Amino acid sequence: MSLRARIFIIISIVVLLILGISIFLIVRNKNKNTEPQTTAPQTNGTPQSNGNQTVIGDQAPAGLPAKTATTLEAEKNGVSQLAKFFVERYGTYSSDNEFQNIKEVETFVTAALWSRISAPMNSKNTTQGFVGMTTKVISVELSAWSDTAATVELKTTRIEEKDGVVSTRYQNSTVEMVKQNGVWLADKLVWN
């Protein structure tokens, strides 16, 4: 074997060794960071001091209390998220998808709103060229609430592509939600 081949083999082995050790150290360090750390002492009910806090048994030290959502808060959040889903889905469309955005929201709207938004599906599509709209909700605010009705204010960004020209606009919308048979549905949509 030539000297050049021996030098190449030795350098290759050294590089592989360094690479292997580096990978080992990275994986070991990552595993250290992901292991759960238990710092609370096991006291079996006897109070012990932990700095300036007292730990009793297996309880967490006093600090910021964890807040669980009430049923009402969860319902309000659900209504807001449903309005967000409805606006994004209904407001995002393409002339190539033949009213797919409308079909996807049928189960989330009242019969009255469905009759209004599904009306264009019965007419012939006479759009020349490609038209597409992407709607993303920026913020959601529940502005009115009762047990059977809610009003949700949404701020959106809408990106329209029409015949290769892309434009962006910010647009507000209001969705009026109603509770029918225990299910929240969108009843009215107003683009401002």
Protein backbone atom coordinates (compact mmCIF):
# COMPACT_ATOMS: atom_id res chain seq x y z
CA MET A 1 0.00 0.00 0.00
CA SER A 2 1.32 3.41 -0.88
CA LEU A 3 2.07 6.12 1.62
CA ARG A 4 -0.69 8.29 0.18
CA ALA A 5 -3.32 5.54 0.72
CA ARG A 6 -2.17 4.97 4.33
CA ILE A 7 -2.36 8.69 5.11
CA PHE A 8 -5.87 8.86 3.58
CA ILE A 9 -7.04 5.87 5.66
CA ILE A 10 -5.57 7.29 8.88
CA ILE A 11 -7.14 10.74 8.29
CA SER A 12 -10.50 9.12 7.45
CA ILE A 13 -10.44 7.06 10.67
CA VAL A 14 -9.59 10.15 12.77
CA VAL A 15 -12.38 12.19 11.14
CA LEU A 16 -14.91 9.38 11.69
CA LEU A 17 -13.81 9.04 15.30
CA ILE A 18 -14.23 12.78 15.92
CA LEU A 19 -17.62 12.73 14.18
CA GLY A 20 -18.77 9.73 16.25
CA ILE A 21 -17.70 11.31 19.53
CA SER A 22 -19.41 14.59 18.58
CA ILE A 23 -22.69 12.85 17.76
CA PHE A 24 -22.50 10.86 21.00
CA LEU A 25 -21.98 14.03 23.06
CA ILE A 26 -24.82 15.87 21.30
CA VAL A 27 -27.27 13.00 21.83
CA ARG A 28 -26.22 12.59 25.46
CA ASN A 29 -26.64 16.32 26.11
CA LYS A 30 -30.05 16.35 24.40
CA ASN A 31 -31.20 13.40 26.52
CA LYS A 32 -30.11 15.21 29.69
CA ASN A 33 -32.22 18.23 28.73
CA THR A 34 -35.35 16.19 27.96
CA GLU A 35 -35.39 14.04 31.10
CA PRO A 36 -37.94 15.21 33.67
CA GLN A 37 -36.29 16.74 36.68
CA THR A 38 -37.76 16.14 40.08
CA THR A 39 -36.46 18.72 42.50
CA ALA A 40 -39.24 18.58 45.07
CA PRO A 41 -38.14 16.55 48.07
CA GLN A 42 -40.16 13.47 49.00
CA THR A 43 -41.46 14.33 52.44
CA ASN A 44 -44.41 12.00 52.98
CA GLY A 45 -46.55 14.79 54.42
CA THR A 46 -44.00 16.51 56.62
CA PRO A 47 -43.34 20.17 55.82
CA GLN A 48 -39.86 21.03 54.60
CA SER A 49 -38.45 24.35 53.64
CA ASN A 50 -37.37 24.80 50.03
CA GLY A 51 -35.74 28.22 49.93
CA ASN A 52 -38.51 30.69 50.74
CA GLN A 53 -41.35 28.26 49.98
CA THR A 54 -42.69 25.37 52.03
CA VAL A 55 -43.35 22.07 50.29
CA ILE A 56 -45.76 19.61 51.88
CA GLY A 57 -45.81 16.06 50.56
CA ASP A 58 -45.86 15.84 46.80
CA GLN A 59 -47.52 19.23 46.33
CA ALA A 60 -46.08 21.79 43.97
CA PRO A 61 -44.58 24.86 45.62
CA ALA A 62 -46.80 27.89 45.89
CA GLY A 63 -46.50 30.25 42.95
CA LEU A 64 -48.72 31.16 40.08
CA PRO A 65 -51.81 29.01 40.35
CA ALA A 66 -52.79 26.94 37.33
CA LYS A 67 -56.13 28.21 36.07
CA THR A 68 -58.52 25.72 34.55
CA ALA A 69 -61.14 27.00 32.15
CA THR A 70 -64.69 26.96 33.35
CA THR A 71 -67.41 25.45 31.20
CA LEU A 72 -68.57 28.93 30.19
CA GLU A 73 -65.05 30.03 29.24
CA ALA A 74 -64.56 26.85 27.22
CA GLU A 75 -67.86 27.42 25.43
CA LYS A 76 -66.98 31.04 24.65
CA ASN A 77 -63.59 29.96 23.33
CA GLY A 78 -65.25 27.28 21.22
CA VAL A 79 -67.67 29.80 19.70
CA SER A 80 -64.78 32.16 18.89
CA GLN A 81 -62.79 29.36 17.28
CA LEU A 82 -65.82 28.22 15.27
CA ALA A 83 -66.31 31.77 13.96
CA LYS A 84 -62.61 31.94 13.06
CA PHE A 85 -62.81 28.59 11.25
CA PHE A 86 -65.93 29.68 9.38
CA VAL A 87 -64.47 33.02 8.20
CA GLU A 88 -61.16 31.49 7.10
CA ARG A 89 -62.81 28.56 5.30
CA TYR A 90 -65.60 30.57 3.68
CA GLY A 91 -63.32 33.50 2.82
CA THR A 92 -60.71 31.29 1.12
CA TYR A 93 -61.70 30.24 -2.36
CA SER A 94 -60.49 29.63 -5.88
CA SER A 95 -62.24 29.78 -9.22
CA ASP A 96 -60.72 26.34 -9.91
CA ASN A 97 -62.48 24.68 -6.93
CA GLU A 98 -66.09 25.32 -7.89
CA PHE A 99 -67.55 26.55 -4.58
CA GLN A 100 -65.62 24.09 -2.40
CA ASN A 101 -65.34 26.77 0.29
CA ILE A 102 -69.12 26.99 0.51
CA LYS A 103 -69.61 23.21 0.57
CA GLU A 104 -67.13 22.86 3.45
CA VAL A 105 -69.04 25.20 5.77
CA GLU A 106 -72.53 23.77 5.24
CA THR A 107 -72.60 21.96 8.59
CA PHE A 108 -71.40 25.07 10.46
CA VAL A 109 -74.15 27.49 9.39
CA THR A 110 -77.87 27.91 9.98
CA ALA A 111 -80.40 27.12 7.25
CA ALA A 112 -80.99 30.85 6.71
CA LEU A 113 -77.30 31.61 6.16
CA TRP A 114 -76.91 28.48 4.02
CA SER A 115 -79.65 29.65 1.65
CA ARG A 116 -77.83 32.98 1.20
CA ILE A 117 -74.28 31.69 0.76
CA SER A 118 -75.17 28.68 -1.40
CA ALA A 119 -77.16 30.73 -3.94
CA PRO A 120 -74.13 31.32 -6.21
CA MET A 121 -73.68 27.55 -6.53
CA ASN A 122 -76.87 27.40 -8.63
CA SER A 123 -75.66 29.91 -11.20
CA LYS A 124 -73.21 29.28 -13.99
CA ASN A 125 -69.65 30.33 -13.20
CA THR A 126 -68.73 32.96 -15.79
CA THR A 127 -65.40 34.01 -14.30
CA GLN A 128 -62.79 34.59 -16.96
CA GLY A 129 -59.29 33.70 -15.78
CA PHE A 130 -58.11 32.58 -12.38
CA VAL A 131 -59.33 34.21 -9.18
CA GLY A 132 -58.19 33.04 -5.76
CA MET A 133 -58.58 34.45 -2.26
CA THR A 134 -56.79 33.37 0.90
CA THR A 135 -58.22 34.63 4.19
CA LYS A 136 -56.35 34.43 7.50
CA VAL A 137 -57.78 35.66 10.80
CA ILE A 138 -55.42 37.95 12.69
CA SER A 139 -57.50 38.49 15.83
CA VAL A 140 -60.78 37.34 17.33
CA GLU A 141 -62.89 39.18 19.88
CA LEU A 142 -66.14 38.00 21.40
CA SER A 143 -68.07 41.28 21.55
CA ALA A 144 -71.49 40.05 22.70
CA TRP A 145 -72.57 36.91 24.53
CA SER A 146 -75.74 35.28 25.78
CA ASP A 147 -76.72 31.65 26.31
CA THR A 148 -78.14 31.38 22.79
CA ALA A 149 -76.40 34.08 20.73
CA ALA A 150 -72.96 35.60 20.34
CA THR A 151 -71.26 38.19 18.17
CA VAL A 152 -67.65 37.65 17.16
CA GLU A 153 -65.52 40.43 15.65
CA LEU A 154 -62.64 39.22 13.48
CA LYS A 155 -59.76 41.05 11.85
CA THR A 156 -58.43 39.34 8.75
CA THR A 157 -55.80 39.66 6.10
CA ARG A 158 -56.99 38.68 2.63
CA ILE A 159 -54.63 37.91 -0.23
CA GLU A 160 -56.25 37.94 -3.65
CA GLU A 161 -54.73 36.63 -6.84
CA LYS A 162 -56.53 37.65 -10.01
CA ASP A 163 -55.03 36.95 -13.43
CA GLY A 164 -51.51 36.83 -11.97
CA VAL A 165 -51.82 40.05 -9.95
CA VAL A 166 -51.57 39.59 -6.18
CA SER A 167 -53.02 42.13 -3.76
CA THR A 168 -53.32 42.13 0.03
CA ARG A 169 -55.93 43.91 2.11
CA TYR A 170 -56.98 43.93 5.73
CA GLN A 171 -60.67 43.45 6.30
CA ASN A 172 -62.84 43.18 9.38
CA SER A 173 -65.77 40.84 9.63
CA THR A 174 -68.57 40.19 12.09
CA VAL A 175 -70.08 36.77 12.60
CA GLU A 176 -73.31 36.38 14.51
CA MET A 177 -73.53 32.95 16.08
CA VAL A 178 -76.67 31.26 17.41
CA LYS A 179 -77.19 28.14 19.47
CA GLN A 180 -79.69 25.75 17.90
CA ASN A 181 -80.45 22.40 19.51
CA GLY A 182 -77.35 22.72 21.68
CA VAL A 183 -75.04 23.39 18.71
CA TRP A 184 -73.43 26.74 17.86
CA LEU A 185 -73.84 27.78 14.21
CA ALA A 186 -72.96 30.85 12.18
CA ASP A 187 -76.12 32.79 11.38
CA LYS A 188 -74.84 35.98 9.76
CA LEU A 189 -71.58 37.17 8.23
CA VAL A 190 -70.83 40.81 7.47
CA TRP A 191 -67.60 41.93 5.79
CA ASN A 192 -66.75 45.49 6.81
